[in-house]
Amino acid sequence: MNYYIHNVPGRVRVKSPVVKRNATAADELKKMLSTLQGIATIDINLTTGSLLVNYNPKTVAYTEIVSLLQRKGYFNAEKAITHDQYIQNAVSRAGKAASKAVLGAFAEKALEGSGLSFLAFLI
């Protein structure tokens, strides 16, 4: 799992392998982030390692939140992908899977008669 970040003013989502299936890390994160003024809610999904922070952008900057996560070892910006990169990767994987399915169907159809021809040859 890679690190992931997506921000719109007032809401930041971060995915981190450090948080995935780690209840202790989730509790520490909630305590740590709740010390920042302007944080409204903090939701953590342990299954996906996703952290959703709703905040007041007039009180706390997005960069402050991310900087705190980095300093405490919960996020690595160098390994993070953005929302656009995430979507591009997902579309690329879907395209490859669709291509394989279409080519497989064509190959199956093309070889469908060959088995019967081979059987007829043997008889």
N, C-alpha and C. Protein backbone atom coordinates (compact mmCIF):
# COMPACT_ATOMS: atom_id res chain seq x y z
N MET A 1 0.84 -1.18 0.00
CA MET A 1 0.00 0.00 0.00
C MET A 1 0.88 1.25 0.00
N ASN A 2 0.57 2.15 -0.89
CA ASN A 2 1.28 3.42 -0.95
C ASN A 2 0.63 4.44 -0.03
N TYR A 3 1.34 5.51 0.19
CA TYR A 3 0.75 6.66 0.87
C TYR A 3 -0.08 7.42 -0.17
N TYR A 4 -1.15 8.02 0.28
CA TYR A 4 -2.06 8.73 -0.61
C TYR A 4 -2.53 9.98 0.11
N ILE A 5 -2.73 11.06 -0.65
CA ILE A 5 -3.24 12.28 -0.05
C ILE A 5 -4.16 13.00 -1.02
N HIS A 6 -5.24 13.51 -0.48
CA HIS A 6 -6.18 14.31 -1.27
C HIS A 6 -6.73 15.39 -0.35
N ASN A 7 -6.66 16.61 -0.82
CA ASN A 7 -7.11 17.73 0.00
C ASN A 7 -8.03 18.65 -0.79
N VAL A 8 -9.12 19.03 -0.16
CA VAL A 8 -9.94 20.15 -0.59
C VAL A 8 -10.08 21.00 0.66
N PRO A 9 -10.15 22.31 0.53
CA PRO A 9 -10.20 23.15 1.72
C PRO A 9 -11.28 22.68 2.71
N GLY A 10 -10.83 22.34 3.90
CA GLY A 10 -11.74 21.88 4.94
C GLY A 10 -11.76 20.37 5.12
N ARG A 11 -11.12 19.64 4.21
CA ARG A 11 -11.13 18.18 4.31
C ARG A 11 -9.86 17.62 3.68
N VAL A 12 -9.18 16.78 4.42
CA VAL A 12 -8.00 16.10 3.89
C VAL A 12 -8.12 14.61 4.18
N ARG A 13 -7.84 13.80 3.15
CA ARG A 13 -7.81 12.35 3.32
C ARG A 13 -6.38 11.88 3.09
N VAL A 14 -5.92 11.06 4.00
CA VAL A 14 -4.58 10.50 3.93
C VAL A 14 -4.71 8.99 4.12
N LYS A 15 -4.01 8.23 3.28
CA LYS A 15 -3.92 6.79 3.50
C LYS A 15 -2.48 6.48 3.86
N SER A 16 -2.34 5.65 4.87
CA SER A 16 -1.01 5.34 5.38
C SER A 16 -0.93 3.87 5.79
N PRO A 17 0.11 3.17 5.35
CA PRO A 17 0.27 1.78 5.78
C PRO A 17 0.54 1.68 7.29
N VAL A 18 0.98 2.77 7.89
CA VAL A 18 1.25 2.77 9.33
C VAL A 18 -0.06 2.62 10.12
N VAL A 19 -1.15 3.14 9.56
CA VAL A 19 -2.44 3.14 10.26
C VAL A 19 -3.24 1.87 9.97
N LYS A 20 -2.97 1.23 8.85
CA LYS A 20 -3.75 0.07 8.44
C LYS A 20 -3.67 -1.05 9.48
N ARG A 21 -4.83 -1.43 9.99
CA ARG A 21 -4.99 -2.49 11.00
C ARG A 21 -4.17 -2.23 12.26
N ASN A 22 -4.04 -0.97 12.63
CA ASN A 22 -3.24 -0.60 13.79
C ASN A 22 -4.05 0.33 14.70
N ALA A 23 -4.81 -0.26 15.60
CA ALA A 23 -5.68 0.51 16.48
C ALA A 23 -4.89 1.45 17.40
N THR A 24 -3.72 1.04 17.81
CA THR A 24 -2.89 1.89 18.67
C THR A 24 -2.49 3.16 17.93
N ALA A 25 -2.06 3.01 16.68
CA ALA A 25 -1.68 4.17 15.87
C ALA A 25 -2.89 5.07 15.65
N ALA A 26 -4.05 4.49 15.42
CA ALA A 26 -5.28 5.28 15.20
C ALA A 26 -5.61 6.11 16.44
N ASP A 27 -5.50 5.50 17.61
CA ASP A 27 -5.77 6.24 18.85
C ASP A 27 -4.77 7.38 19.04
N GLU A 28 -3.50 7.09 18.79
CA GLU A 28 -2.46 8.12 18.92
C GLU A 28 -2.72 9.28 17.95
N LEU A 29 -3.10 8.93 16.72
CA LEU A 29 -3.38 9.95 15.72
C LEU A 29 -4.54 10.85 16.14
N LYS A 30 -5.60 10.25 16.63
CA LYS A 30 -6.76 11.04 17.07
C LYS A 30 -6.37 12.00 18.19
N LYS A 31 -5.62 11.51 19.16
CA LYS A 31 -5.18 12.36 20.27
C LYS A 31 -4.28 13.48 19.76
N MET A 32 -3.36 13.14 18.90
CA MET A 32 -2.39 14.10 18.39
C MET A 32 -3.09 15.19 17.57
N LEU A 33 -3.96 14.80 16.66
CA LEU A 33 -4.63 15.77 15.80
C LEU A 33 -5.65 16.61 16.55
N SER A 34 -6.24 16.05 17.58
CA SER A 34 -7.24 16.80 18.33
C SER A 34 -6.61 17.96 19.11
N THR A 35 -5.28 17.97 19.23
CA THR A 35 -4.61 19.08 19.92
C THR A 35 -4.52 20.32 19.03
N LEU A 36 -4.68 20.14 17.71
CA LEU A 36 -4.64 21.27 16.80
C LEU A 36 -5.98 22.00 16.82
N GLN A 37 -5.94 23.30 16.95
CA GLN A 37 -7.18 24.08 16.89
C GLN A 37 -7.68 24.08 15.45
N GLY A 38 -8.99 23.99 15.30
CA GLY A 38 -9.60 24.02 13.98
C GLY A 38 -9.95 22.65 13.43
N ILE A 39 -9.56 21.58 14.13
CA ILE A 39 -9.92 20.23 13.70
C ILE A 39 -11.34 19.96 14.16
N ALA A 40 -12.23 19.63 13.20
CA ALA A 40 -13.63 19.37 13.53
C ALA A 40 -13.86 17.90 13.84
N THR A 41 -13.51 17.03 12.88
CA THR A 41 -13.70 15.59 13.09
C THR A 41 -12.51 14.83 12.53
N ILE A 42 -12.30 13.65 13.10
CA ILE A 42 -11.24 12.76 12.64
C ILE A 42 -11.85 11.37 12.53
N ASP A 43 -11.88 10.83 11.32
CA ASP A 43 -12.40 9.48 11.10
C ASP A 43 -11.28 8.62 10.55
N ILE A 44 -11.12 7.45 11.15
CA ILE A 44 -10.05 6.54 10.73
C ILE A 44 -10.66 5.19 10.39
N ASN A 45 -10.29 4.67 9.23
CA ASN A 45 -10.71 3.35 8.80
C ASN A 45 -9.49 2.43 8.87
N LEU A 46 -9.50 1.53 9.84
CA LEU A 46 -8.36 0.64 10.04
C LEU A 46 -8.19 -0.37 8.92
N THR A 47 -9.27 -0.72 8.25
CA THR A 47 -9.20 -1.70 7.16
C THR A 47 -8.41 -1.15 5.98
N THR A 48 -8.65 0.12 5.65
CA THR A 48 -7.99 0.72 4.49
C THR A 48 -6.78 1.56 4.86
N GLY A 49 -6.63 1.88 6.13
CA GLY A 49 -5.54 2.76 6.56
C GLY A 49 -5.82 4.21 6.20
N SER A 50 -7.10 4.55 6.09
CA SER A 50 -7.51 5.88 5.66
C SER A 50 -7.85 6.77 6.85
N LEU A 51 -7.39 7.99 6.75
CA LEU A 51 -7.62 9.00 7.78
C LEU A 51 -8.31 10.18 7.11
N LEU A 52 -9.50 10.53 7.59
CA LEU A 52 -10.24 11.66 7.04
C LEU A 52 -10.36 12.73 8.12
N VAL A 53 -9.81 13.90 7.83
CA VAL A 53 -9.82 15.00 8.79
C VAL A 53 -10.62 16.16 8.20
N ASN A 54 -11.68 16.54 8.91
CA ASN A 54 -12.43 17.74 8.56
C ASN A 54 -11.92 18.85 9.46
N TYR A 55 -11.59 19.98 8.83
CA TYR A 55 -10.97 21.07 9.58
C TYR A 55 -11.47 22.42 9.07
N ASN A 56 -11.22 23.44 9.88
CA ASN A 56 -11.56 24.81 9.50
C ASN A 56 -10.31 25.44 8.89
N PRO A 57 -10.33 25.68 7.55
CA PRO A 57 -9.13 26.21 6.90
C PRO A 57 -8.77 27.64 7.33
N LYS A 58 -9.69 28.31 8.02
CA LYS A 58 -9.38 29.65 8.53
C LYS A 58 -8.60 29.58 9.84
N THR A 59 -8.65 28.42 10.48
CA THR A 59 -7.99 28.24 11.77
C THR A 59 -6.69 27.45 11.66
N VAL A 60 -6.72 26.40 10.85
CA VAL A 60 -5.55 25.54 10.71
C VAL A 60 -5.30 25.29 9.22
N ALA A 61 -4.05 25.32 8.83
CA ALA A 61 -3.69 25.09 7.43
C ALA A 61 -3.52 23.60 7.17
N TYR A 62 -3.86 23.22 5.97
CA TYR A 62 -3.69 21.84 5.52
C TYR A 62 -2.23 21.40 5.69
N THR A 63 -1.31 22.30 5.40
CA THR A 63 0.11 21.98 5.51
C THR A 63 0.52 21.69 6.95
N GLU A 64 -0.14 22.33 7.92
CA GLU A 64 0.14 22.04 9.33
C GLU A 64 -0.23 20.61 9.69
N ILE A 65 -1.38 20.19 9.18
CA ILE A 65 -1.86 18.83 9.47
C ILE A 65 -0.89 17.82 8.87
N VAL A 66 -0.55 18.00 7.61
CA VAL A 66 0.35 17.07 6.92
C VAL A 66 1.74 17.08 7.56
N SER A 67 2.21 18.25 7.91
CA SER A 67 3.52 18.37 8.55
C SER A 67 3.56 17.61 9.87
N LEU A 68 2.51 17.72 10.66
CA LEU A 68 2.43 17.00 11.93
C LEU A 68 2.44 15.49 11.69
N LEU A 69 1.68 15.04 10.70
CA LEU A 69 1.66 13.61 10.38
C LEU A 69 3.03 13.11 9.95
N GLN A 70 3.74 13.93 9.18
CA GLN A 70 5.09 13.55 8.73
C GLN A 70 6.07 13.51 9.89
N ARG A 71 6.04 14.54 10.73
CA ARG A 71 6.99 14.59 11.86
C ARG A 71 6.82 13.40 12.79
N LYS A 72 5.58 12.93 12.95
CA LYS A 72 5.31 11.81 13.86
C LYS A 72 5.43 10.44 13.18
N GLY A 73 5.78 10.43 11.87
CA GLY A 73 6.02 9.17 11.18
C GLY A 73 4.79 8.48 10.61
N TYR A 74 3.66 9.17 10.54
CA TYR A 74 2.44 8.57 10.02
C TYR A 74 2.25 8.80 8.52
N PHE A 75 3.06 9.66 7.93
CA PHE A 75 2.91 9.99 6.52
C PHE A 75 4.27 10.26 5.91
N ASN A 76 4.44 9.84 4.66
CA ASN A 76 5.68 10.09 3.93
C ASN A 76 5.32 10.71 2.58
N ALA A 77 5.51 12.02 2.47
CA ALA A 77 5.13 12.75 1.25
C ALA A 77 5.92 12.27 0.03
N GLU A 78 7.14 11.81 0.23
CA GLU A 78 7.96 11.35 -0.89
C GLU A 78 7.39 10.09 -1.53
N LYS A 79 6.68 9.30 -0.77
CA LYS A 79 6.09 8.06 -1.28
C LYS A 79 4.61 8.20 -1.60
N ALA A 80 4.07 9.38 -1.43
CA ALA A 80 2.63 9.59 -1.60
C ALA A 80 2.24 9.81 -3.05
N ILE A 81 1.06 9.31 -3.39
CA ILE A 81 0.48 9.61 -4.69
C ILE A 81 -0.71 10.53 -4.47
N THR A 82 -0.99 11.34 -5.48
CA THR A 82 -2.10 12.27 -5.39
C THR A 82 -3.37 11.59 -5.89
N HIS A 83 -4.48 12.29 -5.74
CA HIS A 83 -5.77 11.78 -6.20
C HIS A 83 -5.73 11.50 -7.70
N ASP A 84 -5.16 12.43 -8.47
CA ASP A 84 -5.09 12.26 -9.92
C ASP A 84 -4.26 11.03 -10.30
N GLN A 85 -3.15 10.81 -9.62
CA GLN A 85 -2.32 9.63 -9.89
C GLN A 85 -3.06 8.35 -9.51
N TYR A 86 -3.81 8.40 -8.41
CA TYR A 86 -4.59 7.25 -7.96
C TYR A 86 -5.63 6.87 -9.01
N ILE A 87 -6.35 7.87 -9.53
CA ILE A 87 -7.37 7.63 -10.56
C ILE A 87 -6.72 7.10 -11.83
N GLN A 88 -5.60 7.70 -12.23
CA GLN A 88 -4.90 7.26 -13.44
C GLN A 88 -4.46 5.80 -13.31
N ASN A 89 -3.94 5.42 -12.16
CA ASN A 89 -3.53 4.03 -11.93
C ASN A 89 -4.73 3.09 -11.99
N ALA A 90 -5.84 3.48 -11.39
CA ALA A 90 -7.05 2.64 -11.38
C ALA A 90 -7.58 2.45 -12.81
N VAL A 91 -7.62 3.52 -13.58
CA VAL A 91 -8.11 3.44 -14.96
C VAL A 91 -7.17 2.56 -15.80
N SER A 92 -5.88 2.71 -15.58
CA SER A 92 -4.91 1.90 -16.32
C SER A 92 -5.10 0.41 -16.02
N ARG A 93 -5.28 0.07 -14.74
CA ARG A 93 -5.50 -1.33 -14.36
C ARG A 93 -6.80 -1.85 -14.97
N ALA A 94 -7.84 -1.04 -14.96
CA ALA A 94 -9.13 -1.46 -15.53
C ALA A 94 -9.00 -1.66 -17.03
N GLY A 95 -8.27 -0.78 -17.70
CA GLY A 95 -8.06 -0.91 -19.14
C GLY A 95 -7.31 -2.17 -19.50
N LYS A 96 -6.29 -2.50 -18.73
CA LYS A 96 -5.52 -3.72 -18.97
C LYS A 96 -6.39 -4.96 -18.77
N ALA A 97 -7.22 -4.95 -17.73
CA ALA A 97 -8.10 -6.09 -17.47
C ALA A 97 -9.13 -6.25 -18.58
N ALA A 98 -9.68 -5.13 -19.05
CA ALA A 98 -10.65 -5.18 -20.14
C ALA A 98 -10.01 -5.68 -21.42
N SER A 99 -8.79 -5.23 -21.70
CA SER A 99 -8.08 -5.68 -22.91
C SER A 99 -7.85 -7.19 -22.87
N LYS A 100 -7.43 -7.70 -21.72
CA LYS A 100 -7.20 -9.14 -21.59
C LYS A 100 -8.49 -9.91 -21.81
N ALA A 101 -9.60 -9.41 -21.25
CA ALA A 101 -10.89 -10.09 -21.39
C ALA A 101 -11.33 -10.12 -22.85
N VAL A 102 -11.19 -8.99 -23.55
CA VAL A 102 -11.60 -8.92 -24.96
C VAL A 102 -10.72 -9.82 -25.81
N LEU A 103 -9.41 -9.76 -25.63
CA LEU A 103 -8.51 -10.61 -26.40
C LEU A 103 -8.75 -12.09 -26.11
N GLY A 104 -9.01 -12.40 -24.87
CA GLY A 104 -9.30 -13.79 -24.50
C GLY A 104 -10.57 -14.29 -25.17
N ALA A 105 -11.59 -13.45 -25.22
CA ALA A 105 -12.85 -13.84 -25.87
C ALA A 105 -12.64 -14.06 -27.37
N PHE A 106 -11.86 -13.17 -28.01
CA PHE A 106 -11.58 -13.33 -29.43
C PHE A 106 -10.79 -14.60 -29.70
N ALA A 107 -9.79 -14.86 -28.87
CA ALA A 107 -8.97 -16.06 -29.04
C ALA A 107 -9.81 -17.31 -28.86
N GLU A 108 -10.68 -17.30 -27.87
CA GLU A 108 -11.54 -18.46 -27.61
C GLU A 108 -12.46 -18.71 -28.81
N LYS A 109 -13.03 -17.62 -29.34
CA LYS A 109 -13.94 -17.74 -30.49
C LYS A 109 -13.18 -18.23 -31.72
N ALA A 110 -11.97 -17.72 -31.92
CA ALA A 110 -11.18 -18.12 -33.08
C ALA A 110 -10.78 -19.59 -33.02
N LEU A 111 -10.52 -20.09 -31.84
CA LEU A 111 -10.09 -21.48 -31.69
C LEU A 111 -11.25 -22.44 -31.49
N GLU A 112 -12.46 -21.92 -31.38
CA GLU A 112 -13.64 -22.74 -31.11
C GLU A 112 -13.81 -23.83 -32.15
N GLY A 113 -13.71 -23.49 -33.41
CA GLY A 113 -13.89 -24.47 -34.48
C GLY A 113 -12.70 -25.40 -34.65
N SER A 114 -11.54 -24.99 -34.18
CA SER A 114 -10.33 -25.78 -34.37
C SER A 114 -10.40 -27.13 -33.66
N GLY A 115 -10.99 -27.14 -32.48
CA GLY A 115 -11.12 -28.41 -31.74
C GLY A 115 -11.97 -29.39 -32.50
N LEU A 116 -13.08 -28.92 -33.07
CA LEU A 116 -13.94 -29.81 -33.85
C LEU A 116 -13.23 -30.30 -35.12
N SER A 117 -12.49 -29.39 -35.75
CA SER A 117 -11.74 -29.79 -36.95
C SER A 117 -10.72 -30.84 -36.61
N PHE A 118 -10.06 -30.70 -35.48
CA PHE A 118 -9.06 -31.66 -35.05
C PHE A 118 -9.71 -33.03 -34.78
N LEU A 119 -10.90 -32.99 -34.11
CA LEU A 119 -11.62 -34.24 -33.83
C LEU A 119 -12.03 -34.93 -35.14
N ALA A 120 -12.51 -34.14 -36.07
CA ALA A 120 -12.93 -34.72 -37.35
C ALA A 120 -11.73 -35.34 -38.06
N PHE A 121 -10.60 -34.72 -37.97
CA PHE A 121 -9.38 -35.23 -38.59
C PHE A 121 -9.00 -36.58 -37.97
N LEU A 122 -9.13 -36.68 -36.65
CA LEU A 122 -8.76 -37.93 -35.96
C LEU A 122 -9.72 -39.07 -36.30
N ILE A 123 -10.98 -38.75 -36.54
CA ILE A 123 -11.97 -39.79 -36.82
C ILE A 123 -11.81 -40.19 -38.25
